[in-house]
Each structure stands twice: as structure tokens, then as C-alpha cells.
């Protein structure tokens, strides 16, 4: 099954993100997104919920349209991967740095960016703030996409806003 690229862009542009964020930079060759949310949990609980990505990632932003097929393995050689019904898989991002309860860094291009000549580094930082945890996200993408990367920044930002909001809501309800 192909990733619904057109649908992704339509859905993302219409999102109204609640997380604190902005596209820091965007040009034809790169973009930088930064987001920050406060999670209603200590860093250990926040980390545990975070790595259970299938519980909070929106299924519309998967290849199978089923977030239950997602996994996040924060170990050497690990990845944020998705099992395909055919027995295959999609590596959404490779885990390149993991410091449990503190930081996770992944490398790759999310969703439809995967098929383009781009490189992305996504860093998630967990900082204790009393009984809560501040989760900071920075996603840096550079490379070549026909028509340039500048137009991709806002839609990707919208997708990430949706994911962070869902994680935030999951922890608020537990």
C-alpha cells in the first residue's frame, strides 16, 4: 500500500496545532522544526509512553493506516518501524542515539519524504519540570525534493504537532 501523500498534505495543512512550535527555518534545500510540550508525567513515565509509539501515533500517518503496526526500539540498530501485512516492513527512522528518560535521536525522512534525496535528524529531549516533563523536539531536514523543501516545512510541522498532542493527551488521561 502506498502512503497517502496527497491526503497527508491536505490533512496536515488543515490542522490547528496546540503544541508550542514554529518552523525555525525553511528554504528550498532544508527546514528546521522545533516543538515543545509539557507532559503530565515524570520523565520515566513519559519515556515509557513515548517508546510505545503505537499508543499515540496517528494511524493516518502510517503506511498501513494502523498505528498498531508501529514499534520504536531505542536500542543499537533499533528503529521506528512499521510491520506491513505482506510480512515486510517500513523503517520510518533509524535510532542513532538513545539515553533513556533523557534523549532519543533518530535519522531519516518521515512519510513521503522517505522516497526523496533528503536526510533528517530528529531529536527528542525529556527534561524534568517538577512532577511534569518538558518534551522538546527538533527535526532538521536537508536535501533535494522536486520543487524544494520549503513547502514541506508547514505540513511536516502539522503532522508532528498532531503526534505530540496525542502523546500529551495520552499521558493526561492516565
N, C-alpha and C. Protein backbone atom coordinates (compact mmCIF):
# COMPACT_ATOMS: atom_id res chain seq x y z
N UNK A 1 0.85 -1.18 0.00
CA UNK A 1 0.00 0.00 0.00
C UNK A 1 0.89 1.23 0.00
N UNK A 2 0.56 2.19 -0.83
CA UNK A 2 1.33 3.43 -0.89
C UNK A 2 0.87 4.39 0.19
N UNK A 3 1.79 5.21 0.64
CA UNK A 3 1.47 6.23 1.65
C UNK A 3 0.61 7.30 0.99
N UNK A 4 -0.49 7.70 1.62
CA UNK A 4 -1.40 8.66 1.02
C UNK A 4 -0.84 10.08 1.04
N UNK A 5 0.13 10.37 0.15
CA UNK A 5 0.83 11.64 0.16
C UNK A 5 -0.12 12.82 0.01
N UNK A 6 -1.00 12.81 -0.97
CA UNK A 6 -1.93 13.92 -1.18
C UNK A 6 -2.82 14.14 0.02
N UNK A 7 -3.34 13.04 0.57
CA UNK A 7 -4.18 13.13 1.75
C UNK A 7 -3.39 13.68 2.92
N UNK A 8 -2.14 13.25 3.06
CA UNK A 8 -1.30 13.74 4.14
C UNK A 8 -1.21 15.26 4.09
N UNK A 9 -0.92 15.81 2.94
CA UNK A 9 -0.75 17.26 2.83
C UNK A 9 -2.06 18.00 3.10
N UNK A 10 -3.18 17.49 2.63
CA UNK A 10 -4.47 18.13 2.87
C UNK A 10 -4.81 18.12 4.35
N UNK A 11 -4.63 16.97 5.00
CA UNK A 11 -4.94 16.85 6.42
C UNK A 11 -4.03 17.74 7.24
N UNK A 12 -2.76 17.74 6.93
CA UNK A 12 -1.80 18.50 7.72
C UNK A 12 -2.04 19.99 7.62
N UNK A 13 -2.29 20.49 6.43
CA UNK A 13 -2.49 21.92 6.26
C UNK A 13 -3.70 22.40 7.04
N UNK A 14 -4.68 21.53 7.24
CA UNK A 14 -5.89 21.93 7.95
C UNK A 14 -5.77 21.78 9.47
N UNK A 15 -4.66 21.23 9.95
CA UNK A 15 -4.50 21.03 11.39
C UNK A 15 -4.32 22.36 12.10
N UNK A 16 -4.74 22.38 13.34
CA UNK A 16 -4.57 23.55 14.18
C UNK A 16 -3.77 23.12 15.40
N UNK A 17 -2.43 23.15 15.31
CA UNK A 17 -1.60 22.58 16.37
C UNK A 17 -1.77 23.29 17.71
N UNK A 18 -1.70 22.49 18.80
CA UNK A 18 -1.80 23.06 20.13
C UNK A 18 -0.44 23.11 20.81
N UNK A 19 0.54 22.44 20.29
CA UNK A 19 1.86 22.44 20.91
C UNK A 19 2.60 23.72 20.54
N UNK A 20 3.49 24.16 21.43
CA UNK A 20 4.29 25.35 21.18
C UNK A 20 5.31 25.01 20.11
N UNK A 21 5.25 25.73 18.98
CA UNK A 21 6.18 25.41 17.91
C UNK A 21 6.24 26.48 16.88
N UNK A 22 7.24 26.34 16.08
CA UNK A 22 7.31 27.13 14.86
C UNK A 22 8.34 26.52 13.94
N UNK A 23 8.15 26.78 12.67
CA UNK A 23 9.17 26.39 11.70
C UNK A 23 10.28 27.43 11.88
N UNK A 24 11.43 26.99 12.30
CA UNK A 24 12.55 27.89 12.58
C UNK A 24 13.19 28.43 11.31
N UNK A 25 13.33 27.54 10.33
CA UNK A 25 13.95 27.91 9.05
C UNK A 25 13.33 27.05 7.96
N UNK A 26 13.26 27.61 6.77
CA UNK A 26 12.80 26.82 5.63
C UNK A 26 13.35 27.45 4.35
N UNK A 27 13.90 26.61 3.50
CA UNK A 27 14.39 27.06 2.19
C UNK A 27 14.18 25.90 1.22
N UNK A 28 14.59 26.10 -0.02
CA UNK A 28 14.46 25.02 -1.00
C UNK A 28 15.29 23.80 -0.62
N UNK A 29 16.36 24.01 0.16
CA UNK A 29 17.27 22.90 0.46
C UNK A 29 17.15 22.35 1.88
N UNK A 30 16.36 23.00 2.77
CA UNK A 30 16.28 22.49 4.14
C UNK A 30 15.10 23.11 4.89
N UNK A 31 14.78 22.49 6.04
CA UNK A 31 13.89 23.12 7.01
C UNK A 31 14.25 22.62 8.40
N UNK A 32 13.89 23.44 9.40
CA UNK A 32 14.11 23.10 10.80
C UNK A 32 12.81 23.37 11.55
N UNK A 33 12.35 22.35 12.26
CA UNK A 33 11.12 22.46 13.06
C UNK A 33 11.51 22.26 14.52
N UNK A 34 10.97 23.11 15.39
CA UNK A 34 11.16 22.94 16.83
C UNK A 34 9.79 22.98 17.48
N UNK A 35 9.57 22.06 18.41
CA UNK A 35 8.31 21.98 19.16
C UNK A 35 8.63 21.66 20.61
N UNK A 36 7.73 22.08 21.48
CA UNK A 36 7.89 21.79 22.90
C UNK A 36 6.51 21.62 23.52
N UNK A 37 6.35 20.58 24.32
CA UNK A 37 5.11 20.36 25.06
C UNK A 37 5.45 19.94 26.48
N UNK A 38 4.52 20.18 27.37
CA UNK A 38 4.65 19.70 28.74
C UNK A 38 3.78 18.46 28.88
N UNK A 39 4.40 17.39 29.36
CA UNK A 39 3.70 16.13 29.55
C UNK A 39 3.38 15.95 31.02
N UNK A 40 2.17 15.54 31.31
CA UNK A 40 1.71 15.36 32.68
C UNK A 40 2.19 14.03 33.23
N UNK A 41 3.53 13.93 33.38
CA UNK A 41 4.15 12.69 33.86
C UNK A 41 5.61 12.96 34.16
N UNK A 42 6.19 12.16 35.05
CA UNK A 42 7.63 12.27 35.27
C UNK A 42 8.35 11.72 34.05
N UNK A 43 9.67 11.95 33.96
CA UNK A 43 10.39 11.57 32.74
C UNK A 43 10.40 10.06 32.50
N UNK A 44 10.39 9.24 33.54
CA UNK A 44 10.35 7.78 33.34
C UNK A 44 9.04 7.36 32.71
N UNK A 45 7.94 7.90 33.22
CA UNK A 45 6.62 7.58 32.67
C UNK A 45 6.47 8.14 31.26
N UNK A 46 6.97 9.36 31.06
CA UNK A 46 6.89 9.98 29.74
C UNK A 46 7.69 9.17 28.72
N UNK A 47 8.89 8.73 29.09
CA UNK A 47 9.74 7.93 28.20
C UNK A 47 9.04 6.61 27.84
N UNK A 48 8.50 5.94 28.85
CA UNK A 48 7.83 4.66 28.61
C UNK A 48 6.66 4.83 27.65
N UNK A 49 5.85 5.87 27.85
CA UNK A 49 4.73 6.14 26.94
C UNK A 49 5.24 6.48 25.55
N UNK A 50 6.29 7.27 25.47
CA UNK A 50 6.86 7.69 24.19
C UNK A 50 7.30 6.50 23.35
N UNK A 51 8.04 5.57 23.95
CA UNK A 51 8.54 4.43 23.16
C UNK A 51 7.43 3.45 22.79
N UNK A 52 6.27 3.58 23.39
CA UNK A 52 5.10 2.78 22.98
C UNK A 52 4.35 3.58 21.91
N UNK A 53 5.06 3.89 20.84
CA UNK A 53 4.60 4.80 19.79
C UNK A 53 3.24 4.38 19.20
N UNK A 54 2.94 3.11 19.18
CA UNK A 54 1.67 2.63 18.63
C UNK A 54 0.47 3.16 19.42
N UNK A 55 0.71 3.54 20.69
CA UNK A 55 -0.38 4.04 21.52
C UNK A 55 -0.76 5.49 21.23
N UNK A 56 0.12 6.25 20.56
CA UNK A 56 -0.17 7.67 20.37
C UNK A 56 0.03 8.18 18.95
N UNK A 57 0.73 7.48 18.10
CA UNK A 57 0.94 7.95 16.72
C UNK A 57 -0.37 7.81 15.95
N UNK A 58 -0.73 8.84 15.21
CA UNK A 58 -2.00 8.81 14.47
C UNK A 58 -1.91 7.82 13.31
N UNK A 59 -2.90 6.94 13.18
CA UNK A 59 -2.84 5.93 12.11
C UNK A 59 -2.86 6.51 10.70
N UNK A 60 -3.37 7.73 10.53
CA UNK A 60 -3.37 8.34 9.19
C UNK A 60 -1.95 8.59 8.69
N UNK A 61 -0.98 8.58 9.58
CA UNK A 61 0.40 8.85 9.19
C UNK A 61 1.24 7.58 9.29
N UNK A 62 0.63 6.49 8.82
CA UNK A 62 1.32 5.21 8.68
C UNK A 62 1.05 4.70 7.26
N UNK A 63 1.84 3.76 6.82
CA UNK A 63 1.61 3.17 5.50
C UNK A 63 0.42 2.23 5.51
N UNK A 64 0.16 1.56 6.65
CA UNK A 64 -0.92 0.59 6.74
C UNK A 64 -2.21 1.18 7.27
N UNK A 65 -2.18 2.45 7.66
CA UNK A 65 -3.33 3.12 8.29
C UNK A 65 -3.72 2.43 9.60
N UNK A 66 -2.70 1.83 10.27
CA UNK A 66 -2.92 1.14 11.54
C UNK A 66 -1.69 1.36 12.42
N UNK A 67 -1.82 2.26 13.41
CA UNK A 67 -0.69 2.56 14.29
C UNK A 67 -0.26 1.35 15.10
N UNK A 68 -1.12 0.36 15.24
CA UNK A 68 -0.75 -0.87 15.94
C UNK A 68 0.39 -1.61 15.29
N UNK A 69 0.69 -1.28 14.05
CA UNK A 69 1.81 -1.91 13.34
C UNK A 69 3.14 -1.22 13.60
N UNK A 70 3.12 -0.12 14.38
CA UNK A 70 4.34 0.64 14.66
C UNK A 70 5.06 0.10 15.89
N UNK A 71 6.37 0.23 15.87
CA UNK A 71 7.18 -0.07 17.05
C UNK A 71 8.34 0.92 17.08
N UNK A 72 8.85 1.16 18.27
CA UNK A 72 10.03 2.00 18.44
C UNK A 72 10.98 1.27 19.37
N UNK A 73 12.13 0.90 18.84
CA UNK A 73 13.12 0.14 19.59
C UNK A 73 14.33 1.04 19.86
N UNK A 74 14.43 1.61 21.08
CA UNK A 74 15.53 2.54 21.38
C UNK A 74 16.82 1.82 21.80
N UNK A 75 17.28 0.92 20.96
CA UNK A 75 18.49 0.16 21.22
C UNK A 75 19.42 0.27 20.01
N UNK A 76 20.70 -0.12 20.15
CA UNK A 76 21.60 -0.08 18.99
C UNK A 76 21.01 -0.86 17.82
N UNK A 77 20.95 -0.23 16.67
CA UNK A 77 20.36 -0.85 15.49
C UNK A 77 18.84 -0.77 15.46
N UNK A 78 18.25 -0.10 16.45
CA UNK A 78 16.79 -0.01 16.55
C UNK A 78 16.21 0.99 15.57
N UNK A 79 14.90 0.99 15.51
CA UNK A 79 14.24 1.90 14.59
C UNK A 79 12.81 2.16 15.04
N UNK A 80 12.23 3.18 14.44
CA UNK A 80 10.78 3.35 14.46
C UNK A 80 10.34 2.68 13.17
N UNK A 81 9.75 1.50 13.32
CA UNK A 81 9.42 0.66 12.17
C UNK A 81 7.93 0.34 12.15
N UNK A 82 7.47 -0.08 10.99
CA UNK A 82 6.07 -0.46 10.80
C UNK A 82 6.02 -1.80 10.09
N UNK A 83 5.30 -2.73 10.67
CA UNK A 83 5.12 -4.04 10.03
C UNK A 83 4.07 -3.90 8.93
N UNK A 84 4.35 -4.49 7.78
CA UNK A 84 3.41 -4.50 6.65
C UNK A 84 2.68 -5.84 6.61
N UNK A 85 1.43 -5.86 6.14
CA UNK A 85 0.66 -7.10 6.09
C UNK A 85 1.33 -8.20 5.27
N UNK A 86 2.17 -7.82 4.31
CA UNK A 86 2.84 -8.79 3.45
C UNK A 86 3.97 -9.52 4.16
N UNK A 87 4.27 -9.09 5.39
CA UNK A 87 5.42 -9.65 6.10
C UNK A 87 6.63 -8.74 5.98
N UNK A 88 6.51 -7.68 5.20
CA UNK A 88 7.60 -6.72 5.05
C UNK A 88 7.56 -5.67 6.15
N UNK A 89 8.31 -4.61 5.94
CA UNK A 89 8.38 -3.55 6.94
C UNK A 89 8.73 -2.22 6.29
N UNK A 90 8.51 -1.14 7.04
CA UNK A 90 8.96 0.20 6.67
C UNK A 90 9.79 0.70 7.83
N UNK A 91 11.00 1.14 7.56
CA UNK A 91 11.79 1.81 8.58
C UNK A 91 11.52 3.30 8.43
N UNK A 92 10.71 3.85 9.33
CA UNK A 92 10.40 5.28 9.28
C UNK A 92 11.64 6.09 9.65
N UNK A 93 12.30 5.70 10.74
CA UNK A 93 13.51 6.39 11.16
C UNK A 93 14.40 5.39 11.91
N UNK A 94 15.71 5.56 11.77
CA UNK A 94 16.68 4.72 12.48
C UNK A 94 17.06 5.41 13.79
N UNK A 95 17.15 4.63 14.86
CA UNK A 95 17.60 5.16 16.14
C UNK A 95 19.12 5.25 16.10
N UNK A 96 19.65 6.46 16.35
CA UNK A 96 21.10 6.66 16.31
C UNK A 96 21.67 7.07 17.67
N UNK A 97 20.81 7.44 18.62
CA UNK A 97 21.26 7.84 19.96
C UNK A 97 20.09 7.65 20.91
N UNK A 98 20.32 6.93 21.99
CA UNK A 98 19.28 6.75 22.99
C UNK A 98 19.88 6.85 24.39
N UNK A 99 19.36 7.78 25.18
CA UNK A 99 19.70 7.93 26.58
C UNK A 99 18.36 7.88 27.31
N UNK A 100 17.92 6.68 27.74
CA UNK A 100 16.58 6.51 28.30
C UNK A 100 16.21 7.58 29.32
N UNK A 101 15.00 8.08 29.16
CA UNK A 101 14.40 9.11 30.01
C UNK A 101 15.02 10.48 29.82
N UNK A 102 15.99 10.61 28.89
CA UNK A 102 16.64 11.90 28.67
C UNK A 102 16.58 12.34 27.20
N UNK A 103 17.00 11.47 26.27
CA UNK A 103 17.05 11.89 24.88
C UNK A 103 17.00 10.70 23.92
N UNK A 104 16.36 10.93 22.79
CA UNK A 104 16.36 9.96 21.70
C UNK A 104 16.58 10.74 20.41
N UNK A 105 17.50 10.25 19.58
CA UNK A 105 17.74 10.86 18.27
C UNK A 105 17.55 9.79 17.21
N UNK A 106 16.82 10.19 16.16
CA UNK A 106 16.58 9.29 15.05
C UNK A 106 17.00 9.97 13.75
N UNK A 107 17.26 9.17 12.75
CA UNK A 107 17.69 9.68 11.46
C UNK A 107 16.76 9.15 10.38
N UNK A 108 16.36 10.04 9.47
CA UNK A 108 15.54 9.61 8.34
C UNK A 108 14.54 10.65 7.91
N UNK A 109 13.81 10.31 6.88
CA UNK A 109 12.77 11.18 6.35
C UNK A 109 11.41 10.55 6.62
N UNK A 110 10.55 11.26 7.34
CA UNK A 110 9.22 10.73 7.66
C UNK A 110 8.32 10.69 6.43
N UNK A 111 7.45 9.69 6.42
CA UNK A 111 6.38 9.60 5.42
C UNK A 111 6.86 9.75 4.00
N UNK A 112 6.23 10.64 3.24
CA UNK A 112 6.58 10.78 1.83
C UNK A 112 7.97 11.36 1.61
N UNK A 113 8.61 11.92 2.62
CA UNK A 113 9.99 12.40 2.46
C UNK A 113 10.95 11.23 2.25
N UNK A 114 10.55 10.04 2.69
CA UNK A 114 11.42 8.88 2.63
C UNK A 114 11.89 8.57 1.20
N UNK A 115 11.05 8.82 0.22
CA UNK A 115 11.41 8.47 -1.16
C UNK A 115 12.26 9.54 -1.86
N UNK A 116 12.55 10.62 -1.17
CA UNK A 116 13.33 11.71 -1.78
C UNK A 116 14.77 11.69 -1.28
N UNK A 117 15.59 12.49 -1.92
CA UNK A 117 17.00 12.56 -1.57
C UNK A 117 17.18 13.55 -0.42
N UNK A 118 16.69 13.16 0.75
CA UNK A 118 16.80 14.01 1.93
C UNK A 118 17.42 13.25 3.09
N UNK A 119 17.94 14.00 4.02
CA UNK A 119 18.47 13.45 5.25
C UNK A 119 17.81 14.22 6.39
N UNK A 120 17.37 13.52 7.40
CA UNK A 120 16.73 14.19 8.53
C UNK A 120 17.30 13.70 9.85
N UNK A 121 17.42 14.61 10.81
CA UNK A 121 17.83 14.27 12.17
C UNK A 121 16.74 14.77 13.10
N UNK A 122 16.14 13.87 13.88
CA UNK A 122 15.06 14.22 14.80
C UNK A 122 15.52 13.91 16.22
N UNK A 123 15.54 14.94 17.06
CA UNK A 123 15.98 14.79 18.45
C UNK A 123 14.82 15.10 19.39
N UNK A 124 14.55 14.17 20.31
CA UNK A 124 13.53 14.31 21.34
C UNK A 124 14.27 14.40 22.67
N UNK A 125 14.06 15.49 23.42
CA UNK A 125 14.73 15.68 24.70
C UNK A 125 13.69 15.77 25.82
N UNK A 126 13.89 14.97 26.86
CA UNK A 126 12.99 14.89 28.01
C UNK A 126 13.65 15.62 29.18
N UNK A 127 12.99 16.67 29.69
CA UNK A 127 13.54 17.46 30.79
C UNK A 127 12.53 17.49 31.94
N UNK A 128 12.95 17.04 33.14
CA UNK A 128 12.02 17.08 34.27
C UNK A 128 11.68 18.52 34.65
N UNK A 129 10.42 18.74 34.95
CA UNK A 129 9.94 20.03 35.44
C UNK A 129 8.94 19.76 36.56
N UNK A 130 9.45 19.57 37.77
CA UNK A 130 8.60 19.19 38.89
C UNK A 130 8.03 17.81 38.67
N UNK A 131 6.70 17.70 38.74
CA UNK A 131 6.03 16.41 38.50
C UNK A 131 5.77 16.16 37.02
N UNK A 132 6.14 17.10 36.16
CA UNK A 132 5.91 17.01 34.73
C UNK A 132 7.23 16.84 33.99
N UNK A 133 7.11 16.68 32.68
CA UNK A 133 8.28 16.57 31.81
C UNK A 133 8.07 17.46 30.60
N UNK A 134 9.07 18.28 30.30
CA UNK A 134 9.03 19.05 29.05
C UNK A 134 9.67 18.17 27.97
N UNK A 135 8.95 18.01 26.88
CA UNK A 135 9.46 17.25 25.74
C UNK A 135 9.74 18.24 24.61
N UNK A 136 11.01 18.35 24.25
CA UNK A 136 11.42 19.22 23.16
C UNK A 136 11.76 18.36 21.95
N UNK A 137 11.30 18.79 20.80
CA UNK A 137 11.54 18.09 19.54
C UNK A 137 12.19 19.06 18.57
N UNK A 138 13.26 18.61 17.93
CA UNK A 138 13.89 19.35 16.84
C UNK A 138 14.04 18.38 15.68
N UNK A 139 13.52 18.79 14.51
CA UNK A 139 13.64 17.96 13.31
C UNK A 139 14.30 18.82 12.23
N UNK A 140 15.49 18.41 11.81
CA UNK A 140 16.24 19.11 10.77
C UNK A 140 16.28 18.22 9.54
N UNK A 141 15.85 18.77 8.42
CA UNK A 141 15.81 18.02 7.16
C UNK A 141 16.53 18.83 6.10
N UNK A 142 17.40 18.17 5.33
CA UNK A 142 18.01 18.85 4.19
C UNK A 142 18.14 17.88 3.04
N UNK A 143 18.30 18.43 1.85
CA UNK A 143 18.45 17.61 0.67
C UNK A 143 17.65 18.14 -0.49
N UNK A 144 17.29 17.23 -1.41
CA UNK A 144 16.60 17.63 -2.63
C UNK A 144 15.23 16.97 -2.73
N UNK A 145 14.24 17.81 -3.00
CA UNK A 145 12.89 17.37 -3.33
C UNK A 145 12.48 18.23 -4.53
N UNK A 146 11.92 17.64 -5.58
CA UNK A 146 11.47 18.47 -6.70
C UNK A 146 10.57 19.61 -6.20
N UNK A 147 10.87 20.82 -6.59
CA UNK A 147 10.10 21.97 -6.14
C UNK A 147 10.62 22.56 -4.84
N UNK A 148 11.57 21.88 -4.18
CA UNK A 148 12.19 22.39 -2.97
C UNK A 148 11.53 21.92 -1.70
N UNK A 149 12.23 22.05 -0.61
CA UNK A 149 11.76 21.60 0.70
C UNK A 149 10.94 22.65 1.45
N UNK A 150 11.03 23.90 1.07
CA UNK A 150 10.35 24.95 1.82
C UNK A 150 8.86 24.67 2.00
N UNK A 151 8.20 24.19 0.97
CA UNK A 151 6.77 23.89 1.04
C UNK A 151 6.42 22.70 1.91
N UNK A 152 7.40 21.91 2.27
CA UNK A 152 7.18 20.74 3.12
C UNK A 152 7.20 21.08 4.61
N UNK A 153 7.81 22.19 4.98
CA UNK A 153 8.01 22.51 6.39
C UNK A 153 6.70 22.60 7.17
N UNK A 154 5.76 23.37 6.71
CA UNK A 154 4.49 23.54 7.44
C UNK A 154 3.70 22.23 7.53
N UNK A 155 3.56 21.47 6.44
CA UNK A 155 2.84 20.19 6.58
C UNK A 155 3.52 19.21 7.53
N UNK A 156 4.83 19.09 7.48
CA UNK A 156 5.53 18.19 8.40
C UNK A 156 5.36 18.70 9.83
N UNK A 157 5.45 20.00 10.02
CA UNK A 157 5.23 20.59 11.34
C UNK A 157 3.83 20.23 11.85
N UNK A 158 2.84 20.28 11.00
CA UNK A 158 1.48 19.93 11.40
C UNK A 158 1.35 18.48 11.82
N UNK A 159 2.00 17.59 11.10
CA UNK A 159 1.98 16.17 11.47
C UNK A 159 2.62 15.97 12.84
N UNK A 160 3.76 16.60 13.06
CA UNK A 160 4.44 16.46 14.34
C UNK A 160 3.62 17.08 15.48
N UNK A 161 2.94 18.18 15.19
CA UNK A 161 2.07 18.79 16.20
C UNK A 161 0.98 17.81 16.61
N UNK A 162 0.39 17.15 15.64
CA UNK A 162 -0.66 16.18 15.92
C UNK A 162 -0.12 15.04 16.79
N UNK A 163 1.07 14.55 16.47
CA UNK A 163 1.63 13.43 17.24
C UNK A 163 1.91 13.85 18.68
N UNK A 164 2.51 15.02 18.86
CA UNK A 164 2.82 15.49 20.22
C UNK A 164 1.56 15.72 21.02
N UNK A 165 0.54 16.25 20.39
CA UNK A 165 -0.73 16.48 21.08
C UNK A 165 -1.33 15.15 21.52
N UNK A 166 -1.25 14.14 20.68
CA UNK A 166 -1.79 12.82 21.03
C UNK A 166 -1.01 12.19 22.20
N UNK A 167 0.31 12.35 22.21
CA UNK A 167 1.11 11.85 23.34
C UNK A 167 0.74 12.61 24.61
N UNK A 168 0.60 13.90 24.50
CA UNK A 168 0.23 14.74 25.64
C UNK A 168 -1.14 14.31 26.19
N UNK A 169 -2.11 14.08 25.31
CA UNK A 169 -3.46 13.66 25.73
C UNK A 169 -3.44 12.27 26.36
N UNK A 170 -2.61 11.37 25.82
CA UNK A 170 -2.50 10.02 26.37
C UNK A 170 -2.01 10.08 27.82
N UNK A 171 -0.99 10.89 28.07
CA UNK A 171 -0.45 10.98 29.43
C UNK A 171 -1.38 11.75 30.36
N UNK A 172 -2.15 12.68 29.84
CA UNK A 172 -3.09 13.44 30.68
C UNK A 172 -4.25 12.55 31.13
N UNK A 173 -4.56 11.52 30.32
CA UNK A 173 -5.70 10.65 30.65
C UNK A 173 -5.30 9.46 31.53
N UNK A 174 -4.01 9.28 31.77
CA UNK A 174 -3.59 8.12 32.57
C UNK A 174 -3.36 8.46 34.02
